[in-house]
Each structure stands twice: as C-alpha cells, then as structure tokens.
Protein backbone atom coordinates (compact mmCIF):
# COMPACT_ATOMS: atom_id res chain seq x y z
CA UNK A 1 219.29 152.88 55.60
CA UNK A 2 218.74 149.23 54.66
CA UNK A 3 217.60 148.49 58.19
CA UNK A 4 215.05 151.34 58.06
CA UNK A 5 213.77 150.12 54.69
CA UNK A 6 213.35 146.60 56.03
CA UNK A 7 211.45 147.81 59.10
CA UNK A 8 209.14 150.00 57.00
CA UNK A 9 208.49 147.17 54.55
CA UNK A 10 207.81 144.71 57.35
CA UNK A 11 205.48 147.20 59.06
CA UNK A 12 203.61 147.90 55.83
CA UNK A 13 203.30 144.19 55.11
CA UNK A 14 201.98 143.62 58.61
CA UNK A 15 199.35 146.35 58.16
CA UNK A 16 198.26 145.02 54.77
CA UNK A 17 198.11 141.44 55.99
CA UNK A 18 196.00 142.57 58.95
CA UNK A 19 193.78 144.43 56.47
CA UNK A 20 193.47 141.28 54.32
CA UNK A 21 192.66 139.13 57.35
CA UNK A 22 189.98 141.61 58.46
CA UNK A 23 188.40 141.53 54.99
CA UNK A 24 188.48 137.73 54.93
CA UNK A 25 186.81 137.75 58.34
CA UNK A 26 184.14 140.14 57.02
CA UNK A 27 183.46 137.78 54.12
CA UNK A 28 183.33 134.80 56.48
CA UNK A 29 180.98 136.66 58.81
CA UNK A 30 178.67 137.49 55.90
CA UNK A 31 178.60 133.84 54.85
CA UNK A 32 177.84 132.70 58.38
CA UNK A 33 174.93 135.14 58.37
CA UNK A 34 173.59 133.41 55.25
CA UNK A 35 174.10 129.99 56.89
CA UNK A 36 172.07 131.20 59.88
CA UNK A 37 169.28 132.46 57.62
CA UNK A 38 168.97 129.13 55.82
CA UNK A 39 169.03 127.25 59.13
CA UNK A 40 166.29 129.50 60.50
CA UNK A 41 164.25 128.75 57.36
CA UNK A 42 164.78 125.05 58.05
CA UNK A 43 163.44 125.47 61.58
CA UNK A 44 160.34 127.31 60.31
CA UNK A 45 159.65 124.76 57.55
CA UNK A 46 156.23 123.11 57.67
CA UNK A 47 157.51 119.61 56.89
CA UNK A 48 160.68 117.57 57.22
CA UNK A 49 161.49 117.51 53.49
CA UNK A 50 161.35 121.30 53.26
CA UNK A 51 163.44 121.53 56.43
CA UNK A 52 166.09 119.26 54.92
CA UNK A 53 166.12 121.37 51.76
CA UNK A 54 167.14 124.49 53.72
CA UNK A 55 169.56 122.50 55.90
CA UNK A 56 171.33 121.29 52.75
CA UNK A 57 171.52 124.89 51.50
CA UNK A 58 173.19 125.87 54.78
CA UNK A 59 175.63 122.95 54.46
CA UNK A 60 176.45 123.99 50.89
CA UNK A 61 177.15 127.53 52.14
CA UNK A 62 179.51 126.16 54.78
CA UNK A 63 181.41 124.24 52.13
CA UNK A 64 181.72 127.40 50.01
CA UNK A 65 182.92 129.40 53.03
CA UNK A 66 185.97 127.26 53.78
CA UNK A 67 188.39 129.56 51.97
CA UNK A 68 187.15 132.68 53.78
CA UNK A 69 187.31 130.94 57.15
CA UNK A 70 190.82 129.70 56.40
CA UNK A 71 191.96 133.17 55.34
CA UNK A 72 190.32 134.74 58.40
CA UNK A 73 192.51 132.40 60.48
CA UNK A 74 190.13 132.31 63.45
CA UNK A 75 190.36 128.84 64.95
CA UNK A 76 187.41 129.48 67.29
CA UNK A 77 185.13 130.41 64.38
CA UNK A 78 186.29 127.45 62.29
CA UNK A 79 185.58 125.05 65.16
CA UNK A 80 182.14 126.59 65.71
CA UNK A 81 181.25 126.21 62.03
CA UNK A 82 182.49 122.61 62.03
CA UNK A 83 180.02 121.98 64.86
CA UNK A 84 177.32 123.81 62.91
CA UNK A 85 177.95 121.50 59.95
CA UNK A 86 177.81 118.41 62.15
CA UNK A 87 174.46 119.42 63.64
CA UNK A 88 173.08 120.29 60.22
CA UNK A 89 174.13 116.88 58.87
CA UNK A 90 172.47 115.16 61.81
CA UNK A 91 169.34 117.26 61.24
CA UNK A 92 169.09 115.97 57.66
CA UNK A 93 169.17 112.40 59.01
CA UNK A 94 166.58 112.94 61.76
CA UNK A 95 163.21 111.23 61.25
CA UNK A 96 160.89 113.65 63.07
CA UNK A 97 160.40 117.42 62.93
CA UNK A 98 160.86 117.65 66.69
CA UNK A 99 164.33 116.07 66.65
CA UNK A 100 165.22 117.95 63.45
CA UNK A 101 164.43 121.30 65.05
CA UNK A 102 166.44 120.47 68.18
CA UNK A 103 169.51 119.80 66.03
CA UNK A 104 168.88 122.90 63.93
CA UNK A 105 168.66 125.04 67.09
CA UNK A 106 172.06 123.66 68.09
CA UNK A 107 173.38 124.59 64.65
CA UNK A 108 172.09 128.15 65.12
CA UNK A 109 173.82 128.30 68.51
CA UNK A 110 177.09 127.14 66.93
CA UNK A 111 176.77 129.68 64.09
CA UNK A 112 176.24 132.47 66.62
CA UNK A 113 179.37 131.28 68.37
CA UNK A 114 181.22 131.58 65.07
CA UNK A 115 180.02 135.14 64.58
CA UNK A 116 181.01 136.05 68.14
CA UNK A 117 184.45 134.50 67.62
CA UNK A 118 185.03 136.55 64.48
CA UNK A 119 183.90 139.76 66.17
CA UNK A 120 186.48 139.11 68.90
CA UNK A 121 189.12 137.79 66.52
CA UNK A 122 191.55 140.65 67.15
CA UNK A 123 191.78 139.51 70.76
CA UNK A 124 192.87 136.05 69.68
CA UNK A 125 196.38 135.04 68.86
CA UNK A 126 196.96 134.91 65.12
CA UNK A 127 199.56 132.72 63.50
CA UNK A 128 200.48 135.76 61.41
CA UNK A 129 202.51 137.23 64.26
CA UNK A 130 205.02 134.43 63.93
CA UNK A 131 204.83 134.48 60.12
CA UNK A 132 206.11 138.06 60.04
CA UNK A 133 209.30 136.92 61.71
CA UNK A 134 209.92 134.60 58.76
CA UNK A 135 209.74 137.41 56.17
CA UNK A 136 212.21 137.05 53.35
CA UNK A 137 214.89 139.69 53.80
CA UNK A 138 216.25 139.70 50.25
CA UNK A 139 216.26 143.18 48.72
CA UNK A 140 214.35 142.07 45.60
CA UNK A 141 211.59 140.49 47.66
CA UNK A 142 211.22 143.63 49.80
CA UNK A 143 210.91 145.72 46.66
CA UNK A 144 208.18 143.46 45.29
CA UNK A 145 206.32 143.70 48.60
CA UNK A 146 206.54 147.48 48.67
CA UNK A 147 205.20 147.67 45.12
CA UNK A 148 202.20 145.46 45.96
CA UNK A 149 201.08 147.22 49.12
CA UNK A 150 198.97 150.08 47.75
CA UNK A 151 196.96 148.05 45.22
CA UNK A 152 194.19 146.59 47.36
CA UNK A 153 193.45 149.62 49.58
CA UNK A 154 193.30 151.84 46.48
CA UNK A 155 190.92 149.39 44.77
CA UNK A 156 188.67 149.27 47.83
CA UNK A 157 188.68 153.06 48.03
CA UNK A 158 187.52 153.25 44.41
CA UNK A 159 184.70 150.80 45.11
CA UNK A 160 183.66 152.76 48.21
CA UNK A 161 183.42 155.92 46.11
CA UNK A 162 181.50 154.16 43.33
CA UNK A 163 178.93 152.96 45.87
CA UNK A 164 178.17 156.46 47.12
CA UNK A 165 175.66 156.92 44.29
CA UNK A 166 173.99 153.61 45.17
CA UNK A 167 173.70 154.69 48.81
CA UNK A 168 172.02 157.94 47.73
CA UNK A 169 169.67 156.12 45.36
CA UNK A 170 168.74 153.62 48.04
CA UNK A 171 168.06 156.46 50.45
CA UNK A 172 165.68 157.98 47.89
CA UNK A 173 163.91 154.63 47.53
CA UNK A 174 163.52 154.35 51.31
CA UNK A 175 162.18 157.89 51.61
CA UNK A 176 159.89 157.93 48.58
CA UNK A 177 158.37 154.45 48.24
CA UNK A 178 155.88 152.64 50.45
CA UNK A 179 157.69 150.76 53.25
CA UNK A 180 156.75 147.33 51.91
CA UNK A 181 157.75 148.16 48.33
CA UNK A 182 161.06 149.63 49.43
CA UNK A 183 161.68 146.63 51.71
CA UNK A 184 161.01 144.19 48.85
CA UNK A 185 163.53 146.02 46.68
CA UNK A 186 166.19 146.22 49.41
CA UNK A 187 165.82 142.62 50.58
CA UNK A 188 166.24 141.43 47.00
CA UNK A 189 169.53 143.35 46.71
CA UNK A 190 170.66 142.09 50.13
CA UNK A 191 169.94 138.44 49.34
CA UNK A 192 171.65 138.69 45.96
CA UNK A 193 174.78 140.04 47.69
CA UNK A 194 174.69 137.10 50.11
CA UNK A 195 174.57 134.65 47.22
CA UNK A 196 177.39 136.41 45.37
CA UNK A 197 179.59 136.30 48.46
CA UNK A 198 179.22 132.53 48.58
CA UNK A 199 180.64 132.13 45.09
CA UNK A 200 184.17 130.83 44.83
CA UNK A 201 184.80 132.06 41.29
CA UNK A 202 184.54 135.84 41.71
CA UNK A 203 187.36 138.32 42.08
CA UNK A 204 188.40 140.07 45.28
CA UNK A 205 186.99 143.32 43.86
CA UNK A 206 183.56 141.78 43.29
CA UNK A 207 183.60 140.20 46.74
CA UNK A 208 184.39 143.54 48.34
CA UNK A 209 181.76 145.29 46.18
CA UNK A 210 179.07 142.85 47.29
CA UNK A 211 180.16 143.01 50.93
CA UNK A 212 179.91 146.82 50.97
CA UNK A 213 176.62 146.81 49.03
CA UNK A 214 175.21 144.34 51.53
CA UNK A 215 176.35 146.51 54.45
CA UNK A 216 174.75 149.65 52.96
CA UNK A 217 171.53 147.77 52.20
CA UNK A 218 171.39 146.23 55.67
CA UNK A 219 171.25 149.71 57.24
CA UNK A 220 168.32 150.60 54.98
CA UNK A 221 166.54 147.35 55.88
CA UNK A 222 166.76 148.17 59.59
CA UNK A 223 165.02 151.50 58.94
CA UNK A 224 162.42 149.86 56.73
CA UNK A 225 161.64 147.15 59.27
CA UNK A 226 160.87 149.86 61.84
CA UNK A 227 158.72 151.65 59.26
CA UNK A 228 156.78 148.46 58.48
CA UNK A 229 156.11 147.83 62.16
CA UNK A 230 154.83 151.37 62.69
CA UNK A 231 152.55 151.17 59.65
CA UNK A 232 150.70 148.11 60.95
C-alpha cells in the first residue's frame, strides 16, 4: 500500500512539475515576444538615440525575464537570449545606424531561436527527470506534496472560467466596432498584458491571468489585422 502511495505521489508530482515548467515556459515565451517587439522598434527608429532607447527597453525585459527562463529550464532558450542580450548591448554602443541595425537584426535572430527552443522544449532533456529520483520518501513529505497538488490547476481553472466573459465581450467589440477602433482597444489590452508579465512582483495568479488574457486578445488581433487590410 505504501509503495502504491509513493508511486502515485511521485507521478502526481511529476505531472504538476511538468505543468509548472510549461507555464514558466509560456511566461518566458511571452516575454521574449515583448523583447522582439522592442528590438523591432529599435530597428525601425529614425535615429540612433531612439534606437538605443528601444534597445535598452529590450535589455530591461531580458533582465526581468531571468526567473521565467530559469524556471522553464530550457538551456537552448537561455543561451539564445544571452546572445540576444549581447547583441543588444553592442547595438547600444554602435556609432552608426547601419551598424546598429545589423546588430539588432542579429538580436532578432537570437530571440527567434529562443522562441523556437521553447516551442521544442519537450523534446529536450530536462534536469527534472533526475530530480524526481531524489524525491524525499518520508511519509510526512509525501502527504504535504499530495495536499499541494490540486491548488494551482484549480486556480488556473477558475481564472479560465472568469475570462470567458472577457472573451465574449471582446468578440462583441470585434464584431460591432470599426476595425481600427477595435484594433486600438485590443492592442492596448495586449500591450498592457505584456508589460504586466514582465513584472517581478506579481503573483502567479496574476501572471496566469495576464498570459491567458494576452492569448485571447492575440486571436482577436489576428482577425482585426485581416479586417484592416481588407478595408483599405
């Protein structure tokens, strides 16, 4: 009986840890998306000072994303973002727009590599596999683990349900307002979610809420972008 309990607890812990890693990777992916956006703004900037301003914003976002990248535990993504940071730093030191843009393009390439690495993270070896083998087998520790398991999935389920009304409201906005007006509203929500996800002082619940809100809003933005193109 004790053996069965241990196996079930270990299995449940493995599932939850995988769930946590996936969420951390989602947060990291969102932050990399923001880093890419700021780097793209730096490339489009009309002068070198403006370009540096956006490059510094991207570097700040990288610094704020360290925890998510660490929790995601994807070495490939972490290495790619380290290279992104290096190219961004070099871009802020460049003396011409031409050389600045070359370095920024490299940073974009590295960021894309980070996103690709995270999307393929399940194919990579995770250090967690070996960590499971080191699980504490004391009865009291197993009981504590079993008691903790349901909390996060239940919380996320509640947030998912609470966002159903937002999804419906957003759908009404998309279907009833002019494409440009609806796009302005949606992009404002999307960008605010990106900024919130970069914060290091918010709870897991708020991080998940913003991640899901961003995902819902992104789908609406895709529809609105098509609408805006057709209306031209």
